[in-house]
Amino acid sequence: MLPKVIIVTAPSGAGKTTIVKHLLSRFSELAFSVSATTRSPRSGEIDGIDYYFISVEEFNERVLNKEFVEYEEVYHHTFYGTLMEEVKRLWKEELVVVFDVDVKGAITLKKNFGESALSLFIKPPSTEILDQRLRNRATDELSKIEERINKAHYELEFEEYFDRTIVNDDLYVALEEATQAVQEFISKK
């Protein structure tokens, strides 16, 4: 049996990164899988900590070399992927790997890892609240925000593919639900 993995996904703006950071702070046996991306770093992001920031050319070369467990063109000409070498590195340390990935990537990971994976779908309380969260972020230009909103609405349709849905209406409640789900999963033999 493969070592365990935890897959956390959500439409952009639903709060998956906040939940992942909380889980990592609560469980010493968890380790974050740093994804590779072709997008530019945002303010404060560090290569190798937040993402591996690589060129489109390098990304495509790694795809050809079958170095990714999963990868997606999440936005037009913007790729994200999970490098197998990153997963193996964490497994060597006998850690449970935590993925913070887009919805399609999460579906691929769940298919690849099966029963060795717990998949959590973080859902906003409503599409109106999700839209407002994305607009309030102000990390992207307006056209990018609209693209994220449209994609987020589409991604909500995939909820049924995941082991557990957590509605992020009250952050404290969502964090507790995620903590409980992870505790149950990692304590199972």
N, C-alpha and C. Protein backbone atom coordinates (compact mmCIF):
# COMPACT_ATOMS: atom_id res chain seq x y z
N MET A 1 0.84 -1.20 0.00
CA MET A 1 0.00 0.00 0.00
C MET A 1 0.87 1.25 0.00
N LEU A 2 0.47 2.23 -0.77
CA LEU A 2 1.20 3.49 -0.83
C LEU A 2 1.09 4.24 0.49
N PRO A 3 2.10 5.04 0.82
CA PRO A 3 1.94 5.94 1.96
C PRO A 3 0.74 6.86 1.72
N LYS A 4 0.24 7.47 2.79
CA LYS A 4 -0.97 8.28 2.69
C LYS A 4 -0.72 9.68 2.15
N VAL A 5 -1.76 10.21 1.49
CA VAL A 5 -1.74 11.59 1.01
C VAL A 5 -3.09 12.24 1.34
N ILE A 6 -3.05 13.54 1.51
CA ILE A 6 -4.26 14.32 1.75
C ILE A 6 -4.34 15.37 0.65
N ILE A 7 -5.47 15.37 -0.04
CA ILE A 7 -5.68 16.29 -1.16
C ILE A 7 -6.72 17.32 -0.74
N VAL A 8 -6.33 18.59 -0.76
CA VAL A 8 -7.27 19.66 -0.42
C VAL A 8 -7.47 20.49 -1.68
N THR A 9 -8.73 20.66 -2.06
CA THR A 9 -9.03 21.42 -3.26
C THR A 9 -10.23 22.31 -3.03
N ALA A 10 -10.39 23.28 -3.90
CA ALA A 10 -11.51 24.22 -3.83
C ALA A 10 -11.42 25.15 -5.03
N PRO A 11 -12.53 25.75 -5.37
CA PRO A 11 -12.44 26.84 -6.34
C PRO A 11 -11.59 27.97 -5.72
N SER A 12 -10.93 28.73 -6.55
CA SER A 12 -10.13 29.86 -6.08
C SER A 12 -11.00 30.76 -5.19
N GLY A 13 -10.46 31.11 -4.02
CA GLY A 13 -11.16 32.01 -3.12
C GLY A 13 -12.02 31.34 -2.06
N ALA A 14 -12.07 30.00 -2.06
CA ALA A 14 -12.91 29.29 -1.09
C ALA A 14 -12.21 29.04 0.24
N GLY A 15 -10.89 29.21 0.28
CA GLY A 15 -10.18 29.09 1.55
C GLY A 15 -9.32 27.86 1.73
N LYS A 16 -8.97 27.17 0.65
CA LYS A 16 -8.21 25.93 0.80
C LYS A 16 -6.82 26.17 1.38
N THR A 17 -6.15 27.23 0.98
CA THR A 17 -4.80 27.47 1.48
C THR A 17 -4.81 27.77 2.98
N THR A 18 -5.80 28.50 3.45
CA THR A 18 -5.93 28.77 4.89
C THR A 18 -6.12 27.47 5.65
N ILE A 19 -6.94 26.57 5.12
CA ILE A 19 -7.19 25.29 5.77
C ILE A 19 -5.94 24.41 5.74
N VAL A 20 -5.24 24.39 4.62
CA VAL A 20 -4.00 23.61 4.52
C VAL A 20 -2.97 24.10 5.54
N LYS A 21 -2.79 25.40 5.65
CA LYS A 21 -1.83 25.95 6.62
C LYS A 21 -2.21 25.56 8.04
N HIS A 22 -3.50 25.58 8.33
CA HIS A 22 -3.98 25.17 9.66
C HIS A 22 -3.64 23.69 9.92
N LEU A 23 -3.92 22.83 8.96
CA LEU A 23 -3.65 21.41 9.13
C LEU A 23 -2.16 21.15 9.34
N LEU A 24 -1.33 21.82 8.57
CA LEU A 24 0.12 21.65 8.71
C LEU A 24 0.61 22.09 10.08
N SER A 25 -0.05 23.10 10.66
CA SER A 25 0.35 23.56 12.00
C SER A 25 -0.14 22.63 13.10
N ARG A 26 -1.17 21.84 12.83
CA ARG A 26 -1.77 20.95 13.83
C ARG A 26 -1.16 19.55 13.87
N PHE A 27 -0.64 19.08 12.75
CA PHE A 27 -0.16 17.70 12.65
C PHE A 27 1.30 17.67 12.21
N SER A 28 2.17 17.17 13.09
CA SER A 28 3.60 17.11 12.76
C SER A 28 3.92 16.07 11.69
N GLU A 29 3.01 15.11 11.48
CA GLU A 29 3.27 14.05 10.49
C GLU A 29 2.87 14.47 9.07
N LEU A 30 2.37 15.69 8.90
CA LEU A 30 2.00 16.18 7.57
C LEU A 30 3.12 17.04 6.99
N ALA A 31 3.25 16.98 5.67
CA ALA A 31 4.22 17.82 4.97
C ALA A 31 3.59 18.33 3.68
N PHE A 32 3.83 19.58 3.36
CA PHE A 32 3.26 20.23 2.20
C PHE A 32 4.02 19.87 0.94
N SER A 33 3.29 19.46 -0.09
CA SER A 33 3.88 19.20 -1.40
C SER A 33 3.91 20.51 -2.18
N VAL A 34 5.10 21.00 -2.44
CA VAL A 34 5.25 22.25 -3.18
C VAL A 34 5.04 21.97 -4.66
N SER A 35 4.09 22.66 -5.26
CA SER A 35 3.77 22.48 -6.69
C SER A 35 4.70 23.32 -7.56
N ALA A 36 4.81 22.91 -8.80
CA ALA A 36 5.52 23.71 -9.80
C ALA A 36 4.49 24.54 -10.56
N THR A 37 4.89 25.74 -10.96
CA THR A 37 4.00 26.59 -11.75
C THR A 37 4.80 27.44 -12.72
N THR A 38 4.11 27.84 -13.79
CA THR A 38 4.74 28.73 -14.77
C THR A 38 4.36 30.19 -14.53
N ARG A 39 3.50 30.45 -13.55
CA ARG A 39 3.13 31.84 -13.30
C ARG A 39 4.23 32.55 -12.52
N SER A 40 4.20 33.86 -12.55
CA SER A 40 5.17 34.66 -11.82
C SER A 40 4.84 34.66 -10.34
N PRO A 41 5.85 34.77 -9.49
CA PRO A 41 5.58 34.84 -8.05
C PRO A 41 4.79 36.10 -7.69
N ARG A 42 3.87 35.94 -6.74
CA ARG A 42 3.17 37.10 -6.18
C ARG A 42 4.04 37.67 -5.07
N SER A 43 3.70 38.85 -4.63
CA SER A 43 4.44 39.52 -3.56
C SER A 43 4.55 38.60 -2.34
N GLY A 44 5.76 38.39 -1.87
CA GLY A 44 5.99 37.59 -0.68
C GLY A 44 6.17 36.11 -0.92
N GLU A 45 5.89 35.62 -2.14
CA GLU A 45 6.05 34.20 -2.42
C GLU A 45 7.53 33.88 -2.66
N ILE A 46 7.93 32.69 -2.18
CA ILE A 46 9.33 32.29 -2.26
C ILE A 46 9.45 30.99 -3.06
N ASP A 47 10.37 30.99 -4.03
CA ASP A 47 10.61 29.81 -4.84
C ASP A 47 11.08 28.66 -3.95
N GLY A 48 10.45 27.50 -4.11
CA GLY A 48 10.80 26.33 -3.32
C GLY A 48 10.04 26.21 -2.02
N ILE A 49 9.37 27.28 -1.63
CA ILE A 49 8.56 27.27 -0.40
C ILE A 49 7.08 27.31 -0.79
N ASP A 50 6.70 28.31 -1.56
CA ASP A 50 5.31 28.45 -1.99
C ASP A 50 5.05 27.65 -3.26
N TYR A 51 5.94 27.76 -4.21
CA TYR A 51 5.89 27.04 -5.48
C TYR A 51 7.31 26.89 -5.98
N TYR A 52 7.49 25.98 -6.95
CA TYR A 52 8.70 25.98 -7.76
C TYR A 52 8.31 26.77 -9.01
N PHE A 53 8.85 27.95 -9.16
CA PHE A 53 8.53 28.81 -10.29
C PHE A 53 9.47 28.45 -11.44
N ILE A 54 8.89 27.91 -12.51
CA ILE A 54 9.70 27.48 -13.65
C ILE A 54 9.11 28.04 -14.95
N SER A 55 9.92 28.01 -15.98
CA SER A 55 9.47 28.52 -17.28
C SER A 55 8.51 27.52 -17.93
N VAL A 56 7.77 28.00 -18.91
CA VAL A 56 6.88 27.13 -19.68
C VAL A 56 7.71 26.05 -20.39
N GLU A 57 8.87 26.43 -20.89
CA GLU A 57 9.74 25.48 -21.59
C GLU A 57 10.18 24.36 -20.65
N GLU A 58 10.62 24.72 -19.44
CA GLU A 58 11.04 23.69 -18.48
C GLU A 58 9.86 22.83 -18.06
N PHE A 59 8.71 23.44 -17.87
CA PHE A 59 7.51 22.70 -17.49
C PHE A 59 7.20 21.65 -18.57
N ASN A 60 7.17 22.09 -19.83
CA ASN A 60 6.88 21.17 -20.94
C ASN A 60 7.90 20.05 -21.04
N GLU A 61 9.16 20.36 -20.79
CA GLU A 61 10.22 19.34 -20.81
C GLU A 61 9.96 18.30 -19.72
N ARG A 62 9.56 18.76 -18.54
CA ARG A 62 9.28 17.84 -17.43
C ARG A 62 8.02 16.99 -17.72
N VAL A 63 7.06 17.57 -18.43
CA VAL A 63 5.89 16.79 -18.85
C VAL A 63 6.34 15.67 -19.78
N LEU A 64 7.16 16.00 -20.77
CA LEU A 64 7.66 15.00 -21.72
C LEU A 64 8.45 13.89 -21.01
N ASN A 65 9.16 14.26 -19.94
CA ASN A 65 9.95 13.30 -19.17
C ASN A 65 9.12 12.55 -18.13
N LYS A 66 7.81 12.81 -18.13
CA LYS A 66 6.87 12.14 -17.20
C LYS A 66 7.27 12.33 -15.74
N GLU A 67 7.65 13.57 -15.39
CA GLU A 67 8.08 13.88 -14.02
C GLU A 67 6.94 14.33 -13.12
N PHE A 68 5.73 14.52 -13.69
CA PHE A 68 4.60 15.00 -12.90
C PHE A 68 3.65 13.87 -12.53
N VAL A 69 3.14 13.90 -11.30
CA VAL A 69 2.06 13.00 -10.88
C VAL A 69 0.77 13.49 -11.52
N GLU A 70 0.64 14.80 -11.59
CA GLU A 70 -0.50 15.45 -12.25
C GLU A 70 -0.05 16.83 -12.67
N TYR A 71 -0.70 17.35 -13.71
CA TYR A 71 -0.46 18.74 -14.12
C TYR A 71 -1.68 19.22 -14.90
N GLU A 72 -1.87 20.51 -14.91
CA GLU A 72 -3.01 21.12 -15.61
C GLU A 72 -2.62 22.50 -16.11
N GLU A 73 -3.25 22.88 -17.20
CA GLU A 73 -3.21 24.28 -17.62
C GLU A 73 -4.40 24.91 -16.91
N VAL A 74 -4.15 25.48 -15.73
CA VAL A 74 -5.23 25.96 -14.87
C VAL A 74 -5.86 27.23 -15.45
N TYR A 75 -5.02 28.11 -15.95
CA TYR A 75 -5.49 29.30 -16.65
C TYR A 75 -4.71 29.36 -17.96
N HIS A 76 -5.21 30.12 -18.91
CA HIS A 76 -4.59 30.20 -20.23
C HIS A 76 -3.08 30.46 -20.12
N HIS A 77 -2.27 29.53 -20.64
CA HIS A 77 -0.80 29.59 -20.62
C HIS A 77 -0.20 29.61 -19.21
N THR A 78 -0.96 29.18 -18.22
CA THR A 78 -0.45 29.10 -16.85
C THR A 78 -0.64 27.67 -16.36
N PHE A 79 0.48 26.99 -16.15
CA PHE A 79 0.47 25.58 -15.79
C PHE A 79 0.85 25.39 -14.33
N TYR A 80 0.25 24.37 -13.72
CA TYR A 80 0.58 23.95 -12.36
C TYR A 80 0.74 22.44 -12.39
N GLY A 81 1.62 21.92 -11.55
CA GLY A 81 1.77 20.46 -11.50
C GLY A 81 2.46 20.00 -10.23
N THR A 82 2.29 18.71 -9.94
CA THR A 82 2.90 18.07 -8.78
C THR A 82 4.02 17.17 -9.26
N LEU A 83 5.23 17.48 -8.84
CA LEU A 83 6.39 16.70 -9.25
C LEU A 83 6.51 15.43 -8.40
N MET A 84 6.70 14.29 -9.05
CA MET A 84 6.82 13.01 -8.33
C MET A 84 8.02 13.03 -7.40
N GLU A 85 9.10 13.70 -7.79
CA GLU A 85 10.30 13.76 -6.94
C GLU A 85 9.99 14.44 -5.60
N GLU A 86 9.07 15.40 -5.61
CA GLU A 86 8.66 16.09 -4.38
C GLU A 86 7.91 15.13 -3.47
N VAL A 87 7.01 14.35 -4.04
CA VAL A 87 6.22 13.38 -3.25
C VAL A 87 7.14 12.32 -2.67
N LYS A 88 8.03 11.76 -3.48
CA LYS A 88 8.95 10.72 -3.01
C LYS A 88 9.87 11.23 -1.91
N ARG A 89 10.31 12.48 -2.03
CA ARG A 89 11.19 13.08 -1.01
C ARG A 89 10.49 13.09 0.35
N LEU A 90 9.21 13.47 0.36
CA LEU A 90 8.45 13.54 1.61
C LEU A 90 8.12 12.15 2.14
N TRP A 91 7.82 11.22 1.26
CA TRP A 91 7.56 9.84 1.70
C TRP A 91 8.80 9.22 2.33
N LYS A 92 9.98 9.54 1.81
CA LYS A 92 11.23 9.02 2.39
C LYS A 92 11.35 9.46 3.86
N GLU A 93 10.80 10.61 4.17
CA GLU A 93 10.82 11.13 5.54
C GLU A 93 9.65 10.58 6.36
N GLU A 94 8.90 9.62 5.77
CA GLU A 94 7.75 8.98 6.41
C GLU A 94 6.68 9.99 6.83
N LEU A 95 6.42 10.94 5.95
CA LEU A 95 5.42 11.97 6.19
C LEU A 95 4.19 11.73 5.31
N VAL A 96 3.06 12.24 5.76
CA VAL A 96 1.83 12.22 4.97
C VAL A 96 1.85 13.48 4.11
N VAL A 97 1.78 13.30 2.80
CA VAL A 97 1.90 14.42 1.87
C VAL A 97 0.56 15.14 1.74
N VAL A 98 0.60 16.47 1.84
CA VAL A 98 -0.60 17.30 1.71
C VAL A 98 -0.49 18.09 0.41
N PHE A 99 -1.54 17.98 -0.40
CA PHE A 99 -1.61 18.71 -1.67
C PHE A 99 -2.64 19.83 -1.56
N ASP A 100 -2.29 21.00 -2.03
CA ASP A 100 -3.19 22.15 -2.16
C ASP A 100 -3.24 22.41 -3.66
N VAL A 101 -4.26 21.83 -4.33
CA VAL A 101 -4.29 21.84 -5.79
C VAL A 101 -5.64 22.25 -6.35
N ASP A 102 -5.64 22.58 -7.63
CA ASP A 102 -6.89 22.91 -8.31
C ASP A 102 -7.77 21.67 -8.41
N VAL A 103 -9.02 21.85 -8.76
CA VAL A 103 -10.01 20.78 -8.74
C VAL A 103 -9.66 19.63 -9.70
N LYS A 104 -9.29 19.95 -10.93
CA LYS A 104 -8.95 18.88 -11.89
C LYS A 104 -7.71 18.11 -11.45
N GLY A 105 -6.72 18.82 -10.95
CA GLY A 105 -5.52 18.16 -10.44
C GLY A 105 -5.86 17.25 -9.27
N ALA A 106 -6.78 17.70 -8.42
CA ALA A 106 -7.20 16.89 -7.26
C ALA A 106 -7.88 15.61 -7.71
N ILE A 107 -8.71 15.69 -8.73
CA ILE A 107 -9.38 14.50 -9.25
C ILE A 107 -8.35 13.50 -9.77
N THR A 108 -7.34 13.99 -10.48
CA THR A 108 -6.27 13.13 -10.99
C THR A 108 -5.50 12.49 -9.84
N LEU A 109 -5.17 13.28 -8.83
CA LEU A 109 -4.44 12.73 -7.68
C LEU A 109 -5.26 11.65 -6.98
N LYS A 110 -6.55 11.89 -6.80
CA LYS A 110 -7.41 10.90 -6.13
C LYS A 110 -7.45 9.60 -6.95
N LYS A 111 -7.54 9.72 -8.26
CA LYS A 111 -7.51 8.52 -9.12
C LYS A 111 -6.19 7.78 -8.97
N ASN A 112 -5.08 8.52 -8.92
CA ASN A 112 -3.76 7.90 -8.83
C ASN A 112 -3.50 7.24 -7.47
N PHE A 113 -3.97 7.84 -6.38
CA PHE A 113 -3.66 7.35 -5.04
C PHE A 113 -4.78 6.55 -4.39
N GLY A 114 -6.00 6.61 -4.95
CA GLY A 114 -7.12 5.79 -4.49
C GLY A 114 -7.37 5.85 -2.99
N GLU A 115 -7.41 4.68 -2.36
CA GLU A 115 -7.72 4.57 -0.93
C GLU A 115 -6.62 5.13 -0.04
N SER A 116 -5.44 5.36 -0.61
CA SER A 116 -4.34 5.95 0.16
C SER A 116 -4.50 7.46 0.30
N ALA A 117 -5.56 7.99 -0.31
CA ALA A 117 -5.77 9.44 -0.32
C ALA A 117 -7.09 9.82 0.36
N LEU A 118 -7.04 10.90 1.10
CA LEU A 118 -8.25 11.56 1.60
C LEU A 118 -8.38 12.83 0.78
N SER A 119 -9.53 13.01 0.12
CA SER A 119 -9.72 14.22 -0.68
C SER A 119 -10.81 15.10 -0.05
N LEU A 120 -10.45 16.35 0.21
CA LEU A 120 -11.35 17.32 0.82
C LEU A 120 -11.68 18.41 -0.18
N PHE A 121 -12.97 18.66 -0.37
CA PHE A 121 -13.44 19.73 -1.25
C PHE A 121 -13.92 20.86 -0.37
N ILE A 122 -13.26 22.01 -0.45
CA ILE A 122 -13.64 23.18 0.34
C ILE A 122 -14.58 24.01 -0.52
N LYS A 123 -15.74 24.28 0.05
CA LYS A 123 -16.80 24.95 -0.72
C LYS A 123 -17.18 26.27 -0.04
N PRO A 124 -17.37 27.32 -0.83
CA PRO A 124 -17.84 28.58 -0.24
C PRO A 124 -19.32 28.45 0.11
N PRO A 125 -19.82 29.29 1.03
CA PRO A 125 -21.23 29.20 1.41
C PRO A 125 -22.18 29.56 0.26
N SER A 126 -21.71 30.37 -0.69
CA SER A 126 -22.52 30.73 -1.85
C SER A 126 -21.61 31.26 -2.95
N THR A 127 -22.13 31.27 -4.17
CA THR A 127 -21.32 31.81 -5.28
C THR A 127 -21.15 33.32 -5.13
N GLU A 128 -22.13 33.99 -4.54
CA GLU A 128 -22.01 35.45 -4.33
C GLU A 128 -20.86 35.77 -3.39
N ILE A 129 -20.75 35.00 -2.32
CA ILE A 129 -19.66 35.23 -1.36
C ILE A 129 -18.32 34.90 -2.02
N LEU A 130 -18.28 33.83 -2.80
CA LEU A 130 -17.06 33.47 -3.51
C LEU A 130 -16.63 34.60 -4.45
N ASP A 131 -17.57 35.13 -5.21
CA ASP A 131 -17.27 36.23 -6.13
C ASP A 131 -16.69 37.43 -5.37
N GLN A 132 -17.29 37.74 -4.24
CA GLN A 132 -16.84 38.89 -3.44
C GLN A 132 -15.43 38.65 -2.89
N ARG A 133 -15.16 37.44 -2.43
CA ARG A 133 -13.82 37.11 -1.92
C ARG A 133 -12.77 37.30 -3.01
N LEU A 134 -13.07 36.86 -4.22
CA LEU A 134 -12.12 36.99 -5.32
C LEU A 134 -11.91 38.46 -5.71
N ARG A 135 -12.98 39.23 -5.69
CA ARG A 135 -12.85 40.65 -6.02
C ARG A 135 -12.06 41.40 -4.93
N ASN A 136 -12.25 41.01 -3.68
CA ASN A 136 -11.58 41.68 -2.56
C ASN A 136 -10.10 41.34 -2.47
N ARG A 137 -9.68 40.25 -3.07
CA ARG A 137 -8.28 39.83 -3.02
C ARG A 137 -7.34 40.87 -3.61
N ALA A 138 -7.74 41.43 -4.74
CA ALA A 138 -6.97 42.48 -5.43
C ALA A 138 -5.52 42.07 -5.72
N THR A 139 -5.29 40.77 -5.94
CA THR A 139 -3.94 40.32 -6.31
C THR A 139 -3.78 40.24 -7.82
N ASP A 140 -4.88 40.38 -8.55
CA ASP A 140 -4.83 40.26 -10.01
C ASP A 140 -5.57 41.42 -10.66
N GLU A 141 -5.32 41.60 -11.95
CA GLU A 141 -6.07 42.61 -12.70
C GLU A 141 -7.50 42.12 -12.93
N LEU A 142 -8.40 43.02 -13.30
CA LEU A 142 -9.82 42.73 -13.42
C LEU A 142 -10.11 41.55 -14.36
N SER A 143 -9.43 41.48 -15.50
CA SER A 143 -9.69 40.38 -16.45
C SER A 143 -9.33 39.03 -15.82
N LYS A 144 -8.25 38.98 -15.04
CA LYS A 144 -7.85 37.75 -14.35
C LYS A 144 -8.88 37.38 -13.28
N ILE A 145 -9.39 38.38 -12.58
CA ILE A 145 -10.40 38.13 -11.54
C ILE A 145 -11.65 37.53 -12.17
N GLU A 146 -12.09 38.09 -13.30
CA GLU A 146 -13.27 37.55 -14.00
C GLU A 146 -13.02 36.11 -14.46
N GLU A 147 -11.80 35.83 -14.94
CA GLU A 147 -11.45 34.48 -15.36
C GLU A 147 -11.52 33.52 -14.16
N ARG A 148 -11.01 33.96 -13.01
CA ARG A 148 -11.05 33.14 -11.80
C ARG A 148 -12.49 32.89 -11.34
N ILE A 149 -13.33 33.90 -11.42
CA ILE A 149 -14.74 33.75 -11.02
C ILE A 149 -15.44 32.73 -11.91
N ASN A 150 -15.26 32.85 -13.22
CA ASN A 150 -15.89 31.90 -14.15
C ASN A 150 -15.40 30.48 -13.90
N LYS A 151 -14.10 30.32 -13.70
CA LYS A 151 -13.54 29.00 -13.44
C LYS A 151 -14.05 28.45 -12.11
N ALA A 152 -14.15 29.29 -11.09
CA ALA A 152 -14.62 28.86 -9.77
C ALA A 152 -16.05 28.33 -9.85
N HIS A 153 -16.90 29.00 -10.59
CA HIS A 153 -18.29 28.55 -10.76
C HIS A 153 -18.32 27.17 -11.42
N TYR A 154 -17.46 26.97 -12.42
CA TYR A 154 -17.37 25.69 -13.11
C TYR A 154 -16.88 24.59 -12.15
N GLU A 155 -15.87 24.92 -11.35
CA GLU A 155 -15.28 23.92 -10.45
C GLU A 155 -16.24 23.44 -9.37
N LEU A 156 -17.20 24.26 -9.00
CA LEU A 156 -18.18 23.85 -7.98
C LEU A 156 -18.97 22.62 -8.42
N GLU A 157 -19.02 22.38 -9.71
CA GLU A 157 -19.77 21.23 -10.24
C GLU A 157 -19.10 19.89 -9.95
N PHE A 158 -17.87 19.89 -9.46
CA PHE A 158 -17.11 18.65 -9.25
C PHE A 158 -17.10 18.16 -7.81
N GLU A 159 -17.88 18.75 -6.96
CA GLU A 159 -17.91 18.41 -5.53
C GLU A 159 -18.08 16.91 -5.28
N GLU A 160 -18.92 16.25 -6.06
CA GLU A 160 -19.25 14.85 -5.83
C GLU A 160 -18.07 13.89 -5.99
N TYR A 161 -16.97 14.35 -6.59
CA TYR A 161 -15.82 13.48 -6.83
C TYR A 161 -14.90 13.34 -5.61
N PHE A 162 -15.23 14.00 -4.52
CA PHE A 162 -14.34 14.04 -3.36
C PHE A 162 -14.92 13.31 -2.16
N ASP A 163 -14.01 12.87 -1.28
CA ASP A 163 -14.42 12.08 -0.12
C ASP A 163 -15.28 12.89 0.86
N ARG A 164 -14.94 14.16 0.98
CA ARG A 164 -15.63 14.97 1.99
C ARG A 164 -15.72 16.41 1.51
N THR A 165 -16.86 17.04 1.76
CA THR A 165 -17.05 18.47 1.46
C THR A 165 -17.11 19.23 2.77
N ILE A 166 -16.38 20.33 2.81
CA ILE A 166 -16.40 21.22 3.97
C ILE A 166 -16.83 22.59 3.47
N VAL A 167 -17.95 23.09 4.00
CA VAL A 167 -18.42 24.42 3.63
C VAL A 167 -17.71 25.45 4.50
N ASN A 168 -16.98 26.35 3.84
CA ASN A 168 -16.23 27.37 4.57
C ASN A 168 -17.08 28.63 4.71
N ASP A 169 -18.05 28.55 5.63
CA ASP A 169 -18.91 29.68 5.95
C ASP A 169 -18.35 30.34 7.21
N ASP A 170 -18.16 29.53 8.25
CA ASP A 170 -17.55 29.95 9.50
C ASP A 170 -16.17 29.29 9.52
N LEU A 171 -15.11 30.09 9.44
CA LEU A 171 -13.76 29.55 9.31
C LEU A 171 -13.42 28.61 10.46
N TYR A 172 -13.78 28.96 11.69
CA TYR A 172 -13.48 28.11 12.84
C TYR A 172 -14.10 26.72 12.67
N VAL A 173 -15.35 26.68 12.26
CA VAL A 173 -16.05 25.40 12.06
C VAL A 173 -15.38 24.61 10.93
N ALA A 174 -15.05 25.28 9.84
CA ALA A 174 -14.39 24.62 8.71
C ALA A 174 -13.04 24.03 9.13
N LEU A 175 -12.28 24.78 9.91
CA LEU A 175 -10.99 24.29 10.38
C LEU A 175 -11.16 23.06 11.27
N GLU A 176 -12.16 23.09 12.15
CA GLU A 176 -12.42 21.94 13.03
C GLU A 176 -12.85 20.71 12.23
N GLU A 177 -13.71 20.91 11.22
CA GLU A 177 -14.14 19.79 10.39
C GLU A 177 -12.96 19.18 9.63
N ALA A 178 -12.10 20.02 9.09
CA ALA A 178 -10.93 19.53 8.37
C ALA A 178 -9.98 18.79 9.31
N THR A 179 -9.78 19.33 10.50
CA THR A 179 -8.91 18.70 11.49
C THR A 179 -9.44 17.32 11.86
N GLN A 180 -10.73 17.21 12.09
CA GLN A 180 -11.33 15.93 12.46
C GLN A 180 -11.20 14.91 11.32
N ALA A 181 -11.46 15.35 10.10
CA ALA A 181 -11.36 14.43 8.95
C ALA A 181 -9.93 13.91 8.80
N VAL A 182 -8.95 14.79 8.95
CA VAL A 182 -7.54 14.39 8.81
C VAL A 182 -7.13 13.47 9.96
N GLN A 183 -7.56 13.80 11.17
CA GLN A 183 -7.23 12.95 12.34
C GLN A 183 -7.74 11.53 12.15
N GLU A 184 -8.98 11.40 11.70
CA GLU A 184 -9.57 10.08 11.44
C GLU A 184 -8.78 9.34 10.37
N PHE A 185 -8.41 10.05 9.31
CA PHE A 185 -7.72 9.42 8.18
C PHE A 185 -6.32 8.95 8.55
N ILE A 186 -5.54 9.79 9.22
CA ILE A 186 -4.16 9.41 9.51
C ILE A 186 -4.08 8.39 10.63
N SER A 187 -5.11 8.29 11.47
CA SER A 187 -5.07 7.31 12.56
C SER A 187 -5.53 5.93 12.11
N LYS A 188 -6.14 5.83 10.93
CA LYS A 188 -6.56 4.53 10.37
C LYS A 188 -5.33 3.73 9.96
N LYS A 189 -5.33 2.48 10.30
CA LYS A 189 -4.21 1.59 9.92
C LYS A 189 -4.42 1.08 8.52
